[in-house]
Amino acid sequence: HLQTLSARFYQIATEPIRGNFNEKIQLKGKEKDFPSFEQRAFAYYATHHDTRLLAAETGMGKTGAAYLALENTDCEKILIIAPASGKVTWQIEEEKLFKKSGNIYSINGSDDIQKAIESDKKYTIISQELLGLADHDPHLAEKLENMIVNMGIDSAVIDEIDNFSNAKSISAQHTEKLLELIRNNYEKKTGK
């Protein structure tokens, strides 16, 4: 088993990585290599074994690992659903990790949805709280669904998924509807 484990570690460490990433980043005030082995491992398993769950303490590089995995898939448009307080983290990390940043559009309200469609950015981020507003605004829910279809969003990241632990909540139901549309886009694009 040790030889198998060693071979797997070697495979992870040498797997070619796509994406225009910086090789060094600042993390907790220190310059670090990017990606770390742990981030490489997550990207490897996400792309080779359909693993999509990432859990670790704050500041351990989960956002970077998610970007790394997403850049190494066949997905072209990605929706990030994060708590309002976490949206800025995704933007900061994008600026830090990529050699050329500016490929993320942050939707702050209903009026931003059409702008997001027109922006043609690879990453679109919305807050979980915005989904909560769709509980009282059916037009917002419809706009978000149309955005998914019109942009051809074919992947999603849910940051702090435990915020959706009540599957019967209206926000969780809206999220499930969006994910269903995203799955449909991915199936149309890939046949998978």
C-alpha atoms as a PDB file:
ATOM      1  CA  HIS A   1       0.000   0.000   0.000  1.00  0.00           C
ATOM      2  CA  LEU A   2       2.924   2.332   0.607  1.00  0.00           C
ATOM      3  CA  GLN A   3       3.978   2.085  -3.057  1.00  0.00           C
ATOM      4  CA  THR A   4       0.425   2.880  -4.171  1.00  0.00           C
ATOM      5  CA  LEU A   5       0.262   5.851  -1.817  1.00  0.00           C
ATOM      6  CA  SER A   6       3.664   7.081  -2.968  1.00  0.00           C
ATOM      7  CA  ALA A   7       2.628   6.756  -6.609  1.00  0.00           C
ATOM      8  CA  ARG A   8      -0.591   8.696  -5.926  1.00  0.00           C
ATOM      9  CA  PHE A   9       1.330  11.483  -4.135  1.00  0.00           C
ATOM     10  CA  TYR A  10       3.730  11.682  -7.080  1.00  0.00           C
ATOM     11  CA  GLN A  11       0.806  11.814  -9.509  1.00  0.00           C
ATOM     12  CA  ILE A  12      -0.801  14.647  -7.527  1.00  0.00           C
ATOM     13  CA  ALA A  13       2.457  16.592  -7.230  1.00  0.00           C
ATOM     14  CA  THR A  14       3.249  16.334 -10.947  1.00  0.00           C
ATOM     15  CA  GLU A  15      -0.241  16.723 -12.435  1.00  0.00           C
ATOM     16  CA  PRO A  16      -0.112  19.619 -14.931  1.00  0.00           C
ATOM     17  CA  ILE A  17      -2.150  22.582 -13.724  1.00  0.00           C
ATOM     18  CA  ARG A  18      -4.136  24.844 -16.010  1.00  0.00           C
ATOM     19  CA  GLY A  19      -4.906  28.407 -15.084  1.00  0.00           C
ATOM     20  CA  ASN A  20      -2.918  31.604 -15.109  1.00  0.00           C
ATOM     21  CA  PHE A  21      -1.941  31.553 -11.425  1.00  0.00           C
ATOM     22  CA  ASN A  22       0.786  33.376  -9.555  1.00  0.00           C
ATOM     23  CA  GLU A  23       3.472  30.989  -8.311  1.00  0.00           C
ATOM     24  CA  LYS A  24       3.924  32.863  -5.019  1.00  0.00           C
ATOM     25  CA  ILE A  25       1.194  34.401  -2.862  1.00  0.00           C
ATOM     26  CA  GLN A  26       1.010  36.166   0.475  1.00  0.00           C
ATOM     27  CA  LEU A  27      -0.626  34.014   3.130  1.00  0.00           C
ATOM     28  CA  LYS A  28      -0.815  35.141   6.737  1.00  0.00           C
ATOM     29  CA  GLY A  29       1.927  37.689   6.098  1.00  0.00           C
ATOM     30  CA  LYS A  30       4.341  35.175   4.543  1.00  0.00           C
ATOM     31  CA  GLU A  31       5.177  34.421   0.947  1.00  0.00           C
ATOM     32  CA  LYS A  32       4.058  30.886   0.061  1.00  0.00           C
ATOM     33  CA  ASP A  33       4.209  28.706  -3.019  1.00  0.00           C
ATOM     34  CA  PHE A  34       0.908  28.353  -4.838  1.00  0.00           C
ATOM     35  CA  PRO A  35      -0.592  25.867  -5.023  1.00  0.00           C
ATOM     36  CA  SER A  36       0.233  23.956  -1.872  1.00  0.00           C
ATOM     37  CA  PHE A  37       0.237  20.160  -2.017  1.00  0.00           C
ATOM     38  CA  GLU A  38      -3.117  20.114  -0.201  1.00  0.00           C
ATOM     39  CA  GLN A  39      -4.615  22.466  -2.796  1.00  0.00           C
ATOM     40  CA  ARG A  40      -3.182  20.333  -5.607  1.00  0.00           C
ATOM     41  CA  ALA A  41      -4.675  17.232  -3.982  1.00  0.00           C
ATOM     42  CA  PHE A  42      -8.132  18.810  -3.799  1.00  0.00           C
ATOM     43  CA  ALA A  43      -7.933  19.906  -7.449  1.00  0.00           C
ATOM     44  CA  TYR A  44      -6.749  16.435  -8.445  1.00  0.00           C
ATOM     45  CA  TYR A  45      -9.586  14.659  -6.685  1.00  0.00           C
ATOM     46  CA  ALA A  46     -12.145  17.218  -7.875  1.00  0.00           C
ATOM     47  CA  THR A  47     -11.140  16.723 -11.492  1.00  0.00           C
ATOM     48  CA  HIS A  48     -10.387  12.978 -11.474  1.00  0.00           C
ATOM     49  CA  HIS A  49     -12.792  11.560  -8.930  1.00  0.00           C
ATOM     50  CA  ASP A  50     -15.716  13.994  -8.900  1.00  0.00           C
ATOM     51  CA  THR A  51     -15.003  15.072  -5.313  1.00  0.00           C
ATOM     52  CA  ARG A  52     -16.580  18.388  -4.497  1.00  0.00           C
ATOM     53  CA  LEU A  53     -16.421  18.809  -0.708  1.00  0.00           C
ATOM     54  CA  LEU A  54     -13.685  20.894   0.876  1.00  0.00           C
ATOM     55  CA  ALA A  55     -13.570  21.568   4.592  1.00  0.00           C
ATOM     56  CA  ALA A  56     -10.853  23.175   6.698  1.00  0.00           C
ATOM     57  CA  GLU A  57     -10.287  25.937   9.207  1.00  0.00           C
ATOM     58  CA  THR A  58     -10.372  29.589   8.155  1.00  0.00           C
ATOM     59  CA  GLY A  59      -7.200  30.715   6.406  1.00  0.00           C
ATOM     60  CA  MET A  60      -6.142  27.274   5.198  1.00  0.00           C
ATOM     61  CA  GLY A  61      -6.497  28.020   1.479  1.00  0.00           C
ATOM     62  CA  LYS A  62      -9.937  26.585   0.648  1.00  0.00           C
ATOM     63  CA  THR A  63     -10.822  29.421  -1.722  1.00  0.00           C
ATOM     64  CA  GLY A  64      -7.538  29.014  -3.577  1.00  0.00           C
ATOM     65  CA  ALA A  65      -8.089  25.265  -3.796  1.00  0.00           C
ATOM     66  CA  ALA A  66     -11.572  25.859  -5.204  1.00  0.00           C
ATOM     67  CA  TYR A  67     -10.250  28.261  -7.863  1.00  0.00           C
ATOM     68  CA  LEU A  68      -7.501  25.763  -8.713  1.00  0.00           C
ATOM     69  CA  ALA A  69     -10.002  22.935  -9.121  1.00  0.00           C
ATOM     70  CA  LEU A  70     -12.389  25.059 -11.194  1.00  0.00           C
ATOM     71  CA  GLU A  71      -9.637  26.186 -13.546  1.00  0.00           C
ATOM     72  CA  ASN A  72      -8.771  22.533 -14.137  1.00  0.00           C
ATOM     73  CA  THR A  73     -12.243  21.364 -15.126  1.00  0.00           C
ATOM     74  CA  ASP A  74     -14.146  21.720 -18.372  1.00  0.00           C
ATOM     75  CA  CYS A  75     -16.473  24.316 -16.820  1.00  0.00           C
ATOM     76  CA  GLU A  76     -16.588  27.696 -18.519  1.00  0.00           C
ATOM     77  CA  LYS A  77     -18.973  29.759 -16.362  1.00  0.00           C
ATOM     78  CA  ILE A  78     -19.130  29.385 -12.601  1.00  0.00           C
ATOM     79  CA  LEU A  79     -21.624  30.676 -10.048  1.00  0.00           C
ATOM     80  CA  ILE A  80     -20.302  31.192  -6.533  1.00  0.00           C
ATOM     81  CA  ILE A  81     -22.916  31.376  -3.786  1.00  0.00           C
ATOM     82  CA  ALA A  82     -21.373  32.764  -0.615  1.00  0.00           C
ATOM     83  CA  PRO A  83     -22.448  34.554   2.532  1.00  0.00           C
ATOM     84  CA  ALA A  84     -22.418  38.326   2.004  1.00  0.00           C
ATOM     85  CA  SER A  85     -19.438  38.544   4.346  1.00  0.00           C
ATOM     86  CA  GLY A  86     -17.555  35.969   2.250  1.00  0.00           C
ATOM     87  CA  LYS A  87     -18.058  37.556  -1.168  1.00  0.00           C
ATOM     88  CA  VAL A  88     -15.135  39.915  -0.666  1.00  0.00           C
ATOM     89  CA  THR A  89     -12.883  36.947   0.190  1.00  0.00           C
ATOM     90  CA  TRP A  90     -13.499  35.433  -3.242  1.00  0.00           C
ATOM     91  CA  GLN A  91     -12.653  38.760  -4.889  1.00  0.00           C
ATOM     92  CA  ILE A  92      -9.495  39.289  -2.820  1.00  0.00           C
ATOM     93  CA  GLU A  93      -8.315  35.738  -3.462  1.00  0.00           C
ATOM     94  CA  GLU A  94      -8.966  36.091  -7.191  1.00  0.00           C
ATOM     95  CA  GLU A  95      -6.770  39.221  -7.247  1.00  0.00           C
ATOM     96  CA  LYS A  96      -4.071  37.467  -5.230  1.00  0.00           C
ATOM     97  CA  LEU A  97      -4.022  34.121  -7.058  1.00  0.00           C
ATOM     98  CA  PHE A  98      -4.349  34.981 -10.733  1.00  0.00           C
ATOM     99  CA  LYS A  99      -1.712  36.753 -12.784  1.00  0.00           C
ATOM    100  CA  LYS A 100      -4.550  38.579 -14.519  1.00  0.00           C
ATOM    101  CA  SER A 101      -7.462  39.266 -12.206  1.00  0.00           C
ATOM    102  CA  GLY A 102     -10.820  40.891 -12.877  1.00  0.00           C
ATOM    103  CA  ASN A 103     -12.688  37.819 -14.064  1.00  0.00           C
ATOM    104  CA  ILE A 104     -15.301  37.842 -11.302  1.00  0.00           C
ATOM    105  CA  TYR A 105     -18.561  39.794 -11.244  1.00  0.00           C
ATOM    106  CA  SER A 106     -20.222  40.445  -7.909  1.00  0.00           C
ATOM    107  CA  ILE A 107     -23.999  40.763  -7.915  1.00  0.00           C
ATOM    108  CA  ASN A 108     -25.124  43.012  -5.089  1.00  0.00           C
ATOM    109  CA  GLY A 109     -28.791  43.316  -5.988  1.00  0.00           C
ATOM    110  CA  SER A 110     -31.458  42.661  -8.568  1.00  0.00           C
ATOM    111  CA  ASP A 111     -30.237  45.513 -10.784  1.00  0.00           C
ATOM    112  CA  ASP A 112     -26.811  43.848 -11.168  1.00  0.00           C
ATOM    113  CA  ILE A 113     -28.114  40.660 -12.775  1.00  0.00           C
ATOM    114  CA  GLN A 114     -28.336  42.041 -16.325  1.00  0.00           C
ATOM    115  CA  LYS A 115     -24.912  43.661 -15.872  1.00  0.00           C
ATOM    116  CA  ALA A 116     -23.504  40.274 -14.855  1.00  0.00           C
ATOM    117  CA  ILE A 117     -24.875  38.714 -18.032  1.00  0.00           C
ATOM    118  CA  GLU A 118     -23.340  41.492 -20.136  1.00  0.00           C
ATOM    119  CA  SER A 119     -19.998  41.320 -18.296  1.00  0.00           C
ATOM    120  CA  ASP A 120     -19.183  37.861 -19.698  1.00  0.00           C
ATOM    121  CA  LYS A 121     -16.993  37.103 -16.662  1.00  0.00           C
ATOM    122  CA  LYS A 122     -16.052  33.504 -15.929  1.00  0.00           C
ATOM    123  CA  TYR A 123     -17.040  33.782 -12.256  1.00  0.00           C
ATOM    124  CA  THR A 124     -20.250  35.344 -10.952  1.00  0.00           C
ATOM    125  CA  ILE A 125     -20.776  35.649  -7.220  1.00  0.00           C
ATOM    126  CA  ILE A 126     -24.056  36.159  -5.379  1.00  0.00           C
ATOM    127  CA  SER A 127     -24.770  36.220  -1.684  1.00  0.00           C
ATOM    128  CA  GLN A 128     -26.858  33.682   0.122  1.00  0.00           C
ATOM    129  CA  GLU A 129     -28.729  36.648   1.538  1.00  0.00           C
ATOM    130  CA  LEU A 130     -29.724  37.722  -1.991  1.00  0.00           C
ATOM    131  CA  LEU A 131     -31.235  34.280  -2.487  1.00  0.00           C
ATOM    132  CA  GLY A 132     -33.174  34.885   0.719  1.00  0.00           C
ATOM    133  CA  LEU A 133     -34.673  38.028  -0.824  1.00  0.00           C
ATOM    134  CA  ALA A 134     -36.073  35.856  -3.610  1.00  0.00           C
ATOM    135  CA  ASP A 135     -38.390  34.431  -0.947  1.00  0.00           C
ATOM    136  CA  HIS A 136     -40.385  37.661  -1.164  1.00  0.00           C
ATOM    137  CA  ASP A 137     -39.628  38.660  -4.756  1.00  0.00           C
ATOM    138  CA  PRO A 138     -40.585  36.103  -7.417  1.00  0.00           C
ATOM    139  CA  HIS A 139     -39.161  38.431 -10.093  1.00  0.00           C
ATOM    140  CA  LEU A 140     -35.724  38.141  -8.476  1.00  0.00           C
ATOM    141  CA  ALA A 141     -35.913  34.343  -8.537  1.00  0.00           C
ATOM    142  CA  GLU A 142     -36.926  34.470 -12.208  1.00  0.00           C
ATOM    143  CA  LYS A 143     -34.095  36.893 -13.032  1.00  0.00           C
ATOM    144  CA  LEU A 144     -31.548  34.598 -11.352  1.00  0.00           C
ATOM    145  CA  GLU A 145     -32.876  31.571 -13.224  1.00  0.00           C
ATOM    146  CA  ASN A 146     -32.741  33.463 -16.541  1.00  0.00           C
ATOM    147  CA  MET A 147     -29.183  34.553 -15.725  1.00  0.00           C
ATOM    148  CA  ILE A 148     -28.110  30.914 -15.276  1.00  0.00           C
ATOM    149  CA  VAL A 149     -29.605  29.965 -18.641  1.00  0.00           C
ATOM    150  CA  ASN A 150     -28.482  33.071 -20.580  1.00  0.00           C
ATOM    151  CA  MET A 151     -24.906  32.967 -19.283  1.00  0.00           C
ATOM    152  CA  GLY A 152     -24.630  29.217 -19.733  1.00  0.00           C
ATOM    153  CA  ILE A 153     -23.383  28.787 -16.164  1.00  0.00           C
ATOM    154  CA  ASP A 154     -22.202  25.188 -15.961  1.00  0.00           C
ATOM    155  CA  SER A 155     -20.711  24.892 -12.470  1.00  0.00           C
ATOM    156  CA  ALA A 156     -21.332  26.188  -8.975  1.00  0.00           C
ATOM    157  CA  VAL A 157     -19.556  26.570  -5.653  1.00  0.00           C
ATOM    158  CA  ILE A 158     -21.527  26.929  -2.468  1.00  0.00           C
ATOM    159  CA  ASP A 159     -19.413  28.520   0.230  1.00  0.00           C
ATOM    160  CA  GLU A 160     -20.572  27.700   3.764  1.00  0.00           C
ATOM    161  CA  ILE A 161     -23.081  25.118   2.572  1.00  0.00           C
ATOM    162  CA  ASP A 162     -24.112  24.430   6.149  1.00  0.00           C
ATOM    163  CA  ASN A 163     -26.113  27.667   5.913  1.00  0.00           C
ATOM    164  CA  PHE A 164     -28.525  25.629   3.765  1.00  0.00           C
ATOM    165  CA  SER A 165     -28.995  22.825   6.290  1.00  0.00           C
ATOM    166  CA  ASN A 166     -32.774  23.274   6.271  1.00  0.00           C
ATOM    167  CA  ALA A 167     -33.664  21.718   2.902  1.00  0.00           C
ATOM    168  CA  LYS A 168     -37.256  22.907   3.251  1.00  0.00           C
ATOM    169  CA  SER A 169     -36.294  26.585   3.522  1.00  0.00           C
ATOM    170  CA  ILE A 170     -37.256  28.696   0.542  1.00  0.00           C
ATOM    171  CA  SER A 171     -33.612  29.819   0.074  1.00  0.00           C
ATOM    172  CA  ALA A 172     -32.494  26.189  -0.109  1.00  0.00           C
ATOM    173  CA  GLN A 173     -35.267  25.478  -2.605  1.00  0.00           C
ATOM    174  CA  HIS A 174     -34.180  28.455  -4.773  1.00  0.00           C
ATOM    175  CA  THR A 175     -30.609  27.203  -4.618  1.00  0.00           C
ATOM    176  CA  GLU A 176     -31.687  23.716  -5.655  1.00  0.00           C
ATOM    177  CA  LYS A 177     -33.585  25.175  -8.631  1.00  0.00           C
ATOM    178  CA  LEU A 178     -30.498  27.144  -9.708  1.00  0.00           C
ATOM    179  CA  LEU A 179     -28.316  24.039  -9.330  1.00  0.00           C
ATOM    180  CA  GLU A 180     -30.755  22.053 -11.457  1.00  0.00           C
ATOM    181  CA  LEU A 181     -30.464  24.651 -14.232  1.00  0.00           C
ATOM    182  CA  ILE A 182     -26.669  24.583 -13.913  1.00  0.00           C
ATOM    183  CA  ARG A 183     -26.656  20.775 -14.166  1.00  0.00           C
ATOM    184  CA  ASN A 184     -28.817  21.058 -17.310  1.00  0.00           C
ATOM    185  CA  ASN A 185     -26.357  23.562 -18.836  1.00  0.00           C
ATOM    186  CA  TYR A 186     -23.438  21.253 -18.058  1.00  0.00           C
ATOM    187  CA  GLU A 187     -25.227  18.225 -19.537  1.00  0.00           C
ATOM    188  CA  LYS A 188     -26.092  20.148 -22.710  1.00  0.00           C
ATOM    189  CA  LYS A 189     -22.504  21.284 -23.068  1.00  0.00           C
ATOM    190  CA  THR A 190     -20.751  17.995 -22.308  1.00  0.00           C
ATOM    191  CA  GLY A 191     -23.323  15.259 -22.849  1.00  0.00           C
ATOM    192  CA  LYS A 192     -22.432  13.965 -19.371  1.00  0.00           C
END
